Amino acid sequence: MTVLATVNDPSGVPVDLTDTQWDHICEQRPRLAELRDEILRSISNPDAAAPGKKPNETWFFLRGVGPSEWLRVVVAYEGGRGWIVTAFPRRKFP
């Protein structure tokens, strides 16, 4: 697994995008393949953030990019670092 990019979340914690997760995002949601910078920006400068379904998870949101109204990026944390789990478009803010 190779780290393609690292950004800091709003609290300064580094979050990695790996080649494995990027491949997953592109295979599952091909319309997001051109939005890598926006996916990273949703973490470093989100319009909103919310706790995820799991205790170590945060959902970051960016508005007005991609094929829908919102872009949601799921980040998991462990050991003082985070990694992007997946990303997908959302029509409305959950």
PDB file of N, CA and C in Angstrom:
ATOM      1  N   MET A   1       0.846  -1.174   0.000  1.00  0.00           N
ATOM      2  CA  MET A   1       0.000   0.000   0.000  1.00  0.00           C
ATOM      3  C   MET A   1       0.895   1.242   0.000  1.00  0.00           C
ATOM      4  N   THR A   2       0.593   2.148  -0.903  1.00  0.00           N
ATOM      5  CA  THR A   2       1.359   3.379  -1.055  1.00  0.00           C
ATOM      6  C   THR A   2       0.488   4.578  -0.705  1.00  0.00           C
ATOM      7  N   VAL A   3       1.047   5.519   0.031  1.00  0.00           N
ATOM      8  CA  VAL A   3       0.342   6.753   0.350  1.00  0.00           C
ATOM      9  C   VAL A   3       0.490   7.700  -0.836  1.00  0.00           C
ATOM     10  N   LEU A   4      -0.648   8.094  -1.405  1.00  0.00           N
ATOM     11  CA  LEU A   4      -0.652   9.007  -2.556  1.00  0.00           C
ATOM     12  C   LEU A   4      -0.631  10.461  -2.135  1.00  0.00           C
ATOM     13  N   ALA A   5      -1.270  10.750  -1.001  1.00  0.00           N
ATOM     14  CA  ALA A   5      -1.351  12.135  -0.526  1.00  0.00           C
ATOM     15  C   ALA A   5      -1.671  12.124   0.962  1.00  0.00           C
ATOM     16  N   THR A   6      -1.255  13.189   1.640  1.00  0.00           N
ATOM     17  CA  THR A   6      -1.560  13.385   3.056  1.00  0.00           C
ATOM     18  C   THR A   6      -1.982  14.830   3.251  1.00  0.00           C
ATOM     19  N   VAL A   7      -3.086  15.013   3.979  1.00  0.00           N
ATOM     20  CA  VAL A   7      -3.555  16.347   4.359  1.00  0.00           C
ATOM     21  C   VAL A   7      -3.849  16.325   5.849  1.00  0.00           C
ATOM     22  N   ASN A   8      -3.885  17.497   6.443  1.00  0.00           N
ATOM     23  CA  ASN A   8      -4.260  17.596   7.856  1.00  0.00           C
ATOM     24  C   ASN A   8      -5.735  17.934   7.956  1.00  0.00           C
ATOM     25  N   ASP A   9      -6.415  17.257   8.885  1.00  0.00           N
ATOM     26  CA  ASP A   9      -7.814  17.603   9.134  1.00  0.00           C
ATOM     27  C   ASP A   9      -7.863  18.910   9.920  1.00  0.00           C
ATOM     28  N   PRO A  10      -9.046  19.465  10.175  1.00  0.00           N
ATOM     29  CA  PRO A  10      -9.122  20.761  10.861  1.00  0.00           C
ATOM     30  C   PRO A  10      -8.465  20.802  12.238  1.00  0.00           C
ATOM     31  N   SER A  11      -8.302  19.649  12.888  1.00  0.00           N
ATOM     32  CA  SER A  11      -7.624  19.646  14.191  1.00  0.00           C
ATOM     33  C   SER A  11      -6.138  19.325  14.074  1.00  0.00           C
ATOM     34  N   GLY A  12      -5.628  19.255  12.847  1.00  0.00           N
ATOM     35  CA  GLY A  12      -4.201  19.068  12.641  1.00  0.00           C
ATOM     36  C   GLY A  12      -3.730  17.635  12.543  1.00  0.00           C
ATOM     37  N   VAL A  13      -4.631  16.678  12.560  1.00  0.00           N
ATOM     38  CA  VAL A  13      -4.257  15.268  12.465  1.00  0.00           C
ATOM     39  C   VAL A  13      -4.023  14.911  11.002  1.00  0.00           C
ATOM     40  N   PRO A  14      -2.886  14.278  10.675  1.00  0.00           N
ATOM     41  CA  PRO A  14      -2.638  13.891   9.289  1.00  0.00           C
ATOM     42  C   PRO A  14      -3.576  12.764   8.851  1.00  0.00           C
ATOM     43  N   VAL A  15      -4.064  12.893   7.625  1.00  0.00           N
ATOM     44  CA  VAL A  15      -4.970  11.907   7.026  1.00  0.00           C
ATOM     45  C   VAL A  15      -4.389  11.498   5.680  1.00  0.00           C
ATOM     46  N   ASP A  16      -4.231  10.189   5.486  1.00  0.00           N
ATOM     47  CA  ASP A  16      -3.622   9.648   4.270  1.00  0.00           C
ATOM     48  C   ASP A  16      -4.664   9.162   3.274  1.00  0.00           C
ATOM     49  N   LEU A  17      -4.344   9.343   2.006  1.00  0.00           N
ATOM     50  CA  LEU A  17      -5.069   8.697   0.918  1.00  0.00           C
ATOM     51  C   LEU A  17      -4.129   7.669   0.319  1.00  0.00           C
ATOM     52  N   THR A  18      -4.490   6.400   0.423  1.00  0.00           N
ATOM     53  CA  THR A  18      -3.636   5.335  -0.114  1.00  0.00           C
ATOM     54  C   THR A  18      -4.090   4.943  -1.511  1.00  0.00           C
ATOM     55  N   ASP A  19      -3.198   4.297  -2.230  1.00  0.00           N
ATOM     56  CA  ASP A  19      -3.543   3.827  -3.567  1.00  0.00           C
ATOM     57  C   ASP A  19      -4.692   2.820  -3.520  1.00  0.00           C
ATOM     58  N   THR A  20      -4.724   1.994  -2.489  1.00  0.00           N
ATOM     59  CA  THR A  20      -5.790   0.994  -2.354  1.00  0.00           C
ATOM     60  C   THR A  20      -7.148   1.665  -2.213  1.00  0.00           C
ATOM     61  N   GLN A  21      -7.237   2.666  -1.364  1.00  0.00           N
ATOM     62  CA  GLN A  21      -8.512   3.344  -1.152  1.00  0.00           C
ATOM     63  C   GLN A  21      -8.874   4.212  -2.344  1.00  0.00           C
ATOM     64  N   TRP A  22      -7.886   4.815  -2.987  1.00  0.00           N
ATOM     65  CA  TRP A  22      -8.178   5.603  -4.184  1.00  0.00           C
ATOM     66  C   TRP A  22      -8.739   4.698  -5.282  1.00  0.00           C
ATOM     67  N   ASP A  23      -8.147   3.519  -5.459  1.00  0.00           N
ATOM     68  CA  ASP A  23      -8.664   2.562  -6.441  1.00  0.00           C
ATOM     69  C   ASP A  23     -10.102   2.174  -6.102  1.00  0.00           C
ATOM     70  N   HIS A  24     -10.378   1.947  -4.819  1.00  0.00           N
ATOM     71  CA  HIS A  24     -11.732   1.610  -4.372  1.00  0.00           C
ATOM     72  C   HIS A  24     -12.717   2.723  -4.746  1.00  0.00           C
ATOM     73  N   ILE A  25     -12.358   3.955  -4.443  1.00  0.00           N
ATOM     74  CA  ILE A  25     -13.238   5.089  -4.748  1.00  0.00           C
ATOM     75  C   ILE A  25     -13.501   5.170  -6.254  1.00  0.00           C
ATOM     76  N   CYS A  26     -12.449   5.059  -7.052  1.00  0.00           N
ATOM     77  CA  CYS A  26     -12.587   5.191  -8.501  1.00  0.00           C
ATOM     78  C   CYS A  26     -13.381   4.037  -9.115  1.00  0.00           C
ATOM     79  N   GLU A  27     -13.213   2.841  -8.580  1.00  0.00           N
ATOM     80  CA  GLU A  27     -13.964   1.691  -9.091  1.00  0.00           C
ATOM     81  C   GLU A  27     -15.433   1.766  -8.706  1.00  0.00           C
ATOM     82  N   GLN A  28     -15.715   2.157  -7.475  1.00  0.00           N
ATOM     83  CA  GLN A  28     -17.093   2.197  -6.993  1.00  0.00           C
ATOM     84  C   GLN A  28     -17.846   3.426  -7.494  1.00  0.00           C
ATOM     85  N   ARG A  29     -17.151   4.520  -7.660  1.00  0.00           N
ATOM     86  CA  ARG A  29     -17.791   5.784  -8.054  1.00  0.00           C
ATOM     87  C   ARG A  29     -16.921   6.499  -9.090  1.00  0.00           C
ATOM     88  N   PRO A  30     -16.938   6.012 -10.328  1.00  0.00           N
ATOM     89  CA  PRO A  30     -16.051   6.558 -11.363  1.00  0.00           C
ATOM     90  C   PRO A  30     -16.185   8.060 -11.573  1.00  0.00           C
ATOM     91  N   ARG A  31     -17.358   8.619 -11.263  1.00  0.00           N
ATOM     92  CA  ARG A  31     -17.542  10.074 -11.448  1.00  0.00           C
ATOM     93  C   ARG A  31     -16.675  10.886 -10.493  1.00  0.00           C
ATOM     94  N   LEU A  32     -16.158  10.259  -9.457  1.00  0.00           N
ATOM     95  CA  LEU A  32     -15.292  10.968  -8.509  1.00  0.00           C
ATOM     96  C   LEU A  32     -13.812  10.898  -8.883  1.00  0.00           C
ATOM     97  N   ALA A  33     -13.468  10.150  -9.911  1.00  0.00           N
ATOM     98  CA  ALA A  33     -12.063   9.954 -10.291  1.00  0.00           C
ATOM     99  C   ALA A  33     -11.346  11.267 -10.597  1.00  0.00           C
ATOM    100  N   GLU A  34     -12.077  12.268 -11.067  1.00  0.00           N
ATOM    101  CA  GLU A  34     -11.470  13.560 -11.393  1.00  0.00           C
ATOM    102  C   GLU A  34     -11.495  14.528 -10.212  1.00  0.00           C
ATOM    103  N   LEU A  35     -11.940  14.073  -9.047  1.00  0.00           N
ATOM    104  CA  LEU A  35     -12.132  14.975  -7.909  1.00  0.00           C
ATOM    105  C   LEU A  35     -11.173  14.705  -6.749  1.00  0.00           C
ATOM    106  N   ARG A  36     -10.008  14.196  -7.050  1.00  0.00           N
ATOM    107  CA  ARG A  36      -9.071  13.871  -5.971  1.00  0.00           C
ATOM    108  C   ARG A  36      -8.727  15.096  -5.121  1.00  0.00           C
ATOM    109  N   ASP A  37      -8.462  16.231  -5.748  1.00  0.00           N
ATOM    110  CA  ASP A  37      -8.137  17.442  -4.991  1.00  0.00           C
ATOM    111  C   ASP A  37      -9.301  17.876  -4.102  1.00  0.00           C
ATOM    112  N   GLU A  38     -10.515  17.754  -4.619  1.00  0.00           N
ATOM    113  CA  GLU A  38     -11.686  18.126  -3.843  1.00  0.00           C
ATOM    114  C   GLU A  38     -11.907  17.175  -2.665  1.00  0.00           C
ATOM    115  N   ILE A  39     -11.635  15.902  -2.877  1.00  0.00           N
ATOM    116  CA  ILE A  39     -11.740  14.919  -1.789  1.00  0.00           C
ATOM    117  C   ILE A  39     -10.770  15.286  -0.677  1.00  0.00           C
ATOM    118  N   LEU A  40      -9.555  15.638  -1.032  1.00  0.00           N
ATOM    119  CA  LEU A  40      -8.564  16.041  -0.028  1.00  0.00           C
ATOM    120  C   LEU A  40      -8.965  17.358   0.639  1.00  0.00           C
ATOM    121  N   ARG A  41      -9.502  18.291  -0.141  1.00  0.00           N
ATOM    122  CA  ARG A  41      -9.937  19.578   0.416  1.00  0.00           C
ATOM    123  C   ARG A  41     -11.104  19.411   1.376  1.00  0.00           C
ATOM    124  N   SER A  42     -11.932  18.397   1.136  1.00  0.00           N
ATOM    125  CA  SER A  42     -13.059  18.173   2.038  1.00  0.00           C
ATOM    126  C   SER A  42     -12.587  17.813   3.436  1.00  0.00           C
ATOM    127  N   ILE A  43     -11.369  17.314   3.546  1.00  0.00           N
ATOM    128  CA  ILE A  43     -10.789  16.975   4.849  1.00  0.00           C
ATOM    129  C   ILE A  43     -10.046  18.171   5.435  1.00  0.00           C
ATOM    130  N   SER A  44      -9.263  18.841   4.639  1.00  0.00           N
ATOM    131  CA  SER A  44      -8.461  19.954   5.153  1.00  0.00           C
ATOM    132  C   SER A  44      -9.288  21.212   5.391  1.00  0.00           C
ATOM    133  N   ASN A  45     -10.345  21.390   4.614  1.00  0.00           N
ATOM    134  CA  ASN A  45     -11.168  22.603   4.718  1.00  0.00           C
ATOM    135  C   ASN A  45     -12.636  22.256   4.447  1.00  0.00           C
ATOM    136  N   PRO A  46     -13.249  21.453   5.309  1.00  0.00           N
ATOM    137  CA  PRO A  46     -14.615  20.990   5.045  1.00  0.00           C
ATOM    138  C   PRO A  46     -15.656  22.083   5.277  1.00  0.00           C
ATOM    139  N   ASP A  47     -16.793  21.938   4.611  1.00  0.00           N
ATOM    140  CA  ASP A  47     -17.942  22.790   4.902  1.00  0.00           C
ATOM    141  C   ASP A  47     -18.658  22.313   6.154  1.00  0.00           C
ATOM    142  N   ALA A  48     -18.528  21.028   6.453  1.00  0.00           N
ATOM    143  CA  ALA A  48     -19.146  20.448   7.649  1.00  0.00           C
ATOM    144  C   ALA A  48     -18.436  19.139   7.976  1.00  0.00           C
ATOM    145  N   ALA A  49     -18.578  18.712   9.222  1.00  0.00           N
ATOM    146  CA  ALA A  49     -18.045  17.417   9.667  1.00  0.00           C
ATOM    147  C   ALA A  49     -19.009  16.852  10.694  1.00  0.00           C
ATOM    148  N   ALA A  50     -19.053  15.531  10.763  1.00  0.00           N
ATOM    149  CA  ALA A  50     -19.946  14.865  11.710  1.00  0.00           C
ATOM    150  C   ALA A  50     -19.319  13.539  12.121  1.00  0.00           C
ATOM    151  N   PRO A  51     -19.667  13.057  13.308  1.00  0.00           N
ATOM    152  CA  PRO A  51     -19.184  11.729  13.696  1.00  0.00           C
ATOM    153  C   PRO A  51     -19.725  10.684  12.726  1.00  0.00           C
ATOM    154  N   GLY A  52     -18.901   9.681  12.445  1.00  0.00           N
ATOM    155  CA  GLY A  52     -19.330   8.595  11.568  1.00  0.00           C
ATOM    156  C   GLY A  52     -20.103   7.534  12.322  1.00  0.00           C
ATOM    157  N   LYS A  53     -20.372   6.426  11.649  1.00  0.00           N
ATOM    158  CA  LYS A  53     -21.104   5.323  12.267  1.00  0.00           C
ATOM    159  C   LYS A  53     -20.264   4.573  13.283  1.00  0.00           C
ATOM    160  N   LYS A  54     -18.960   4.551  13.067  1.00  0.00           N
ATOM    161  CA  LYS A  54     -18.050   3.846  13.971  1.00  0.00           C
ATOM    162  C   LYS A  54     -17.379   4.845  14.908  1.00  0.00           C
ATOM    163  N   PRO A  55     -16.934   4.391  16.089  1.00  0.00           N
ATOM    164  CA  PRO A  55     -16.336   5.318  17.065  1.00  0.00           C
ATOM    165  C   PRO A  55     -15.097   6.058  16.562  1.00  0.00           C
ATOM    166  N   ASN A  56     -14.323   5.448  15.689  1.00  0.00           N
ATOM    167  CA  ASN A  56     -13.078   6.062  15.223  1.00  0.00           C
ATOM    168  C   ASN A  56     -13.243   6.731  13.860  1.00  0.00           C
ATOM    169  N   GLU A  57     -14.463   7.117  13.508  1.00  0.00           N
ATOM    170  CA  GLU A  57     -14.762   7.601  12.170  1.00  0.00           C
ATOM    171  C   GLU A  57     -15.313   9.024  12.216  1.00  0.00           C
ATOM    172  N   THR A  58     -14.930   9.815  11.201  1.00  0.00           N
ATOM    173  CA  THR A  58     -15.506  11.146  11.006  1.00  0.00           C
ATOM    174  C   THR A  58     -15.907  11.260   9.543  1.00  0.00           C
ATOM    175  N   TRP A  59     -17.051  11.894   9.325  1.00  0.00           N
ATOM    176  CA  TRP A  59     -17.504  12.188   7.971  1.00  0.00           C
ATOM    177  C   TRP A  59     -17.256  13.664   7.699  1.00  0.00           C
ATOM    178  N   PHE A  60     -16.560  13.946   6.596  1.00  0.00           N
ATOM    179  CA  PHE A  60     -16.290  15.312   6.168  1.00  0.00           C
ATOM    180  C   PHE A  60     -17.111  15.606   4.919  1.00  0.00           C
ATOM    181  N   PHE A  61     -17.636  16.828   4.842  1.00  0.00           N
ATOM    182  CA  PHE A  61     -18.511  17.211   3.747  1.00  0.00           C
ATOM    183  C   PHE A  61     -17.996  18.462   3.051  1.00  0.00           C
ATOM    184  N   LEU A  62     -18.108  18.457   1.728  1.00  0.00           N
ATOM    185  CA  LEU A  62     -17.796  19.624   0.913  1.00  0.00           C
ATOM    186  C   LEU A  62     -18.998  19.860   0.004  1.00  0.00           C
ATOM    187  N   ARG A  63     -19.434  21.082  -0.055  1.00  0.00           N
ATOM    188  CA  ARG A  63     -20.651  21.413  -0.808  1.00  0.00           C
ATOM    189  C   ARG A  63     -20.320  21.963  -2.189  1.00  0.00           C
ATOM    190  N   GLY A  64     -21.134  21.569  -3.168  1.00  0.00           N
ATOM    191  CA  GLY A  64     -21.054  22.172  -4.490  1.00  0.00           C
ATOM    192  C   GLY A  64     -19.976  21.630  -5.406  1.00  0.00           C
ATOM    193  N   VAL A  65     -19.458  20.433  -5.126  1.00  0.00           N
ATOM    194  CA  VAL A  65     -18.483  19.816  -6.036  1.00  0.00           C
ATOM    195  C   VAL A  65     -18.988  18.426  -6.424  1.00  0.00           C
ATOM    196  N   GLY A  66     -18.621  18.017  -7.603  1.00  0.00           N
ATOM    197  CA  GLY A  66     -18.989  16.678  -8.022  1.00  0.00           C
ATOM    198  C   GLY A  66     -20.384  16.589  -8.602  1.00  0.00           C
ATOM    199  N   PRO A  67     -20.851  15.360  -8.728  1.00  0.00           N
ATOM    200  CA  PRO A  67     -22.121  15.122  -9.414  1.00  0.00           C
ATOM    201  C   PRO A  67     -23.363  15.417  -8.560  1.00  0.00           C
ATOM    202  N   SER A  68     -23.191  15.688  -7.275  1.00  0.00           N
ATOM    203  CA  SER A  68     -24.321  15.968  -6.393  1.00  0.00           C
ATOM    204  C   SER A  68     -24.049  17.230  -5.577  1.00  0.00           C
ATOM    205  N   GLU A  69     -25.005  17.594  -4.744  1.00  0.00           N
ATOM    206  CA  GLU A  69     -24.881  18.801  -3.927  1.00  0.00           C
ATOM    207  C   GLU A  69     -23.729  18.710  -2.927  1.00  0.00           C
ATOM    208  N   TRP A  70     -23.530  17.521  -2.346  1.00  0.00           N
ATOM    209  CA  TRP A  70     -22.503  17.325  -1.317  1.00  0.00           C
ATOM    210  C   TRP A  70     -21.556  16.205  -1.700  1.00  0.00           C
ATOM    211  N   LEU A  71     -20.324  16.325  -1.255  1.00  0.00           N
ATOM    212  CA  LEU A  71     -19.339  15.256  -1.323  1.00  0.00           C
ATOM    213  C   LEU A  71     -19.065  14.830   0.114  1.00  0.00           C
ATOM    214  N   ARG A  72     -19.230  13.538   0.411  1.00  0.00           N
ATOM    215  CA  ARG A  72     -18.954  13.029   1.760  1.00  0.00           C
ATOM    216  C   ARG A  72     -17.725  12.131   1.694  1.00  0.00           C
ATOM    217  N   VAL A  73     -16.776  12.391   2.580  1.00  0.00           N
ATOM    218  CA  VAL A  73     -15.551  11.601   2.669  1.00  0.00           C
ATOM    219  C   VAL A  73     -15.487  10.997   4.064  1.00  0.00           C
ATOM    220  N   VAL A  74     -15.322   9.688   4.113  1.00  0.00           N
ATOM    221  CA  VAL A  74     -15.264   8.960   5.380  1.00  0.00           C
ATOM    222  C   VAL A  74     -13.799   8.761   5.752  1.00  0.00           C
ATOM    223  N   VAL A  75     -13.448   9.190   6.968  1.00  0.00           N
ATOM    224  CA  VAL A  75     -12.079   9.054   7.469  1.00  0.00           C
ATOM    225  C   VAL A  75     -12.107   8.244   8.758  1.00  0.00           C
ATOM    226  N   ALA A  76     -11.220   7.267   8.862  1.00  0.00           N
ATOM    227  CA  ALA A  76     -11.056   6.484  10.086  1.00  0.00           C
ATOM    228  C   ALA A  76      -9.743   6.895  10.741  1.00  0.00           C
ATOM    229  N   TYR A  77      -9.713   6.831  12.062  1.00  0.00           N
ATOM    230  CA  TYR A  77      -8.537   7.253  12.827  1.00  0.00           C
ATOM    231  C   TYR A  77      -8.055   6.133  13.725  1.00  0.00           C
ATOM    232  N   GLU A  78      -6.721   6.085  13.866  1.00  0.00           N
ATOM    233  CA  GLU A  78      -6.097   5.159  14.815  1.00  0.00           C
ATOM    234  C   GLU A  78      -4.649   5.596  15.013  1.00  0.00           C
ATOM    235  N   GLY A  79      -4.208   5.585  16.242  1.00  0.00           N
ATOM    236  CA  GLY A  79      -2.808   5.886  16.525  1.00  0.00           C
ATOM    237  C   GLY A  79      -2.364   7.277  16.113  1.00  0.00           C
ATOM    238  N   GLY A  80      -3.238   8.254  16.223  1.00  0.00           N
ATOM    239  CA  GLY A  80      -2.841   9.625  15.912  1.00  0.00           C
ATOM    240  C   GLY A  80      -2.795   9.974  14.445  1.00  0.00           C
ATOM    241  N   ARG A  81      -3.324   9.098  13.583  1.00  0.00           N
ATOM    242  CA  ARG A  81      -3.376   9.337  12.135  1.00  0.00           C
ATOM    243  C   ARG A  81      -4.741   8.930  11.629  1.00  0.00           C
ATOM    244  N   GLY A  82      -5.071   9.421  10.468  1.00  0.00           N
ATOM    245  CA  GLY A  82      -6.300   9.021   9.820  1.00  0.00           C
ATOM    246  C   GLY A  82      -6.025   8.526   8.418  1.00  0.00           C
ATOM    247  N   TRP A  83      -7.014   7.867   7.849  1.00  0.00           N
ATOM    248  CA  TRP A  83      -6.927   7.447   6.456  1.00  0.00           C
ATOM    249  C   TRP A  83      -8.323   7.510   5.850  1.00  0.00           C
ATOM    250  N   ILE A  84      -8.352   7.824   4.566  1.00  0.00           N
ATOM    251  CA  ILE A  84      -9.614   7.908   3.850  1.00  0.00           C
ATOM    252  C   ILE A  84     -10.109   6.491   3.605  1.00  0.00           C
ATOM    253  N   VAL A  85     -11.337   6.235   4.025  1.00  0.00           N
ATOM    254  CA  VAL A  85     -11.960   4.928   3.819  1.00  0.00           C
ATOM    255  C   VAL A  85     -12.673   4.906   2.477  1.00  0.00           C
ATOM    256  N   THR A  86     -13.478   5.937   2.221  1.00  0.00           N
ATOM    257  CA  THR A  86     -14.211   6.027   0.962  1.00  0.00           C
ATOM    258  C   THR A  86     -14.738   7.449   0.788  1.00  0.00           C
ATOM    259  N   ALA A  87     -15.320   7.693  -0.358  1.00  0.00           N
ATOM    260  CA  ALA A  87     -15.951   8.985  -0.646  1.00  0.00           C
ATOM    261  C   ALA A  87     -17.119   8.729  -1.581  1.00  0.00           C
ATOM    262  N   PHE A  88     -18.140   9.555  -1.457  1.00  0.00           N
ATOM    263  CA  PHE A  88     -19.271   9.421  -2.353  1.00  0.00           C
ATOM    264  C   PHE A  88     -20.111  10.692  -2.366  1.00  0.00           C
ATOM    265  N   PRO A  89     -20.846  10.891  -3.470  1.00  0.00           N
ATOM    266  CA  PRO A  89     -21.711  12.062  -3.571  1.00  0.00           C
ATOM    267  C   PRO A  89     -22.979  11.870  -2.746  1.00  0.00           C
ATOM    268  N   ARG A  90     -23.517  12.983  -2.257  1.00  0.00           N
ATOM    269  CA  ARG A  90     -24.771  12.970  -1.501  1.00  0.00           C
ATOM    270  C   ARG A  90     -25.660  14.087  -2.042  1.00  0.00           C
ATOM    271  N   ARG A  91     -26.912  13.788  -2.264  1.00  0.00           N
ATOM    272  CA  ARG A  91     -27.839  14.808  -2.761  1.00  0.00           C
ATOM    273  C   ARG A  91     -28.190  15.833  -1.714  1.00  0.00           C
ATOM    274  N   LYS A  92     -28.255  15.383  -0.460  1.00  0.00           N
ATOM    275  CA  LYS A  92     -28.582  16.315   0.608  1.00  0.00           C
ATOM    276  C   LYS A  92     -27.703  16.032   1.817  1.00  0.00           C
ATOM    277  N   PHE A  93     -27.602  17.005   2.661  1.00  0.00           N
ATOM    278  CA  PHE A  93     -26.804  16.855   3.874  1.00  0.00           C
ATOM    279  C   PHE A  93     -27.546  15.935   4.841  1.00  0.00           C
ATOM    280  N   PRO A  94     -26.931  14.845   5.241  1.00  0.00           N
ATOM    281  CA  PRO A  94     -27.625  13.899   6.136  1.00  0.00           C
ATOM    282  C   PRO A  94     -27.814  14.446   7.544  1.00  0.00           C
TER     283      PRO A  94
END
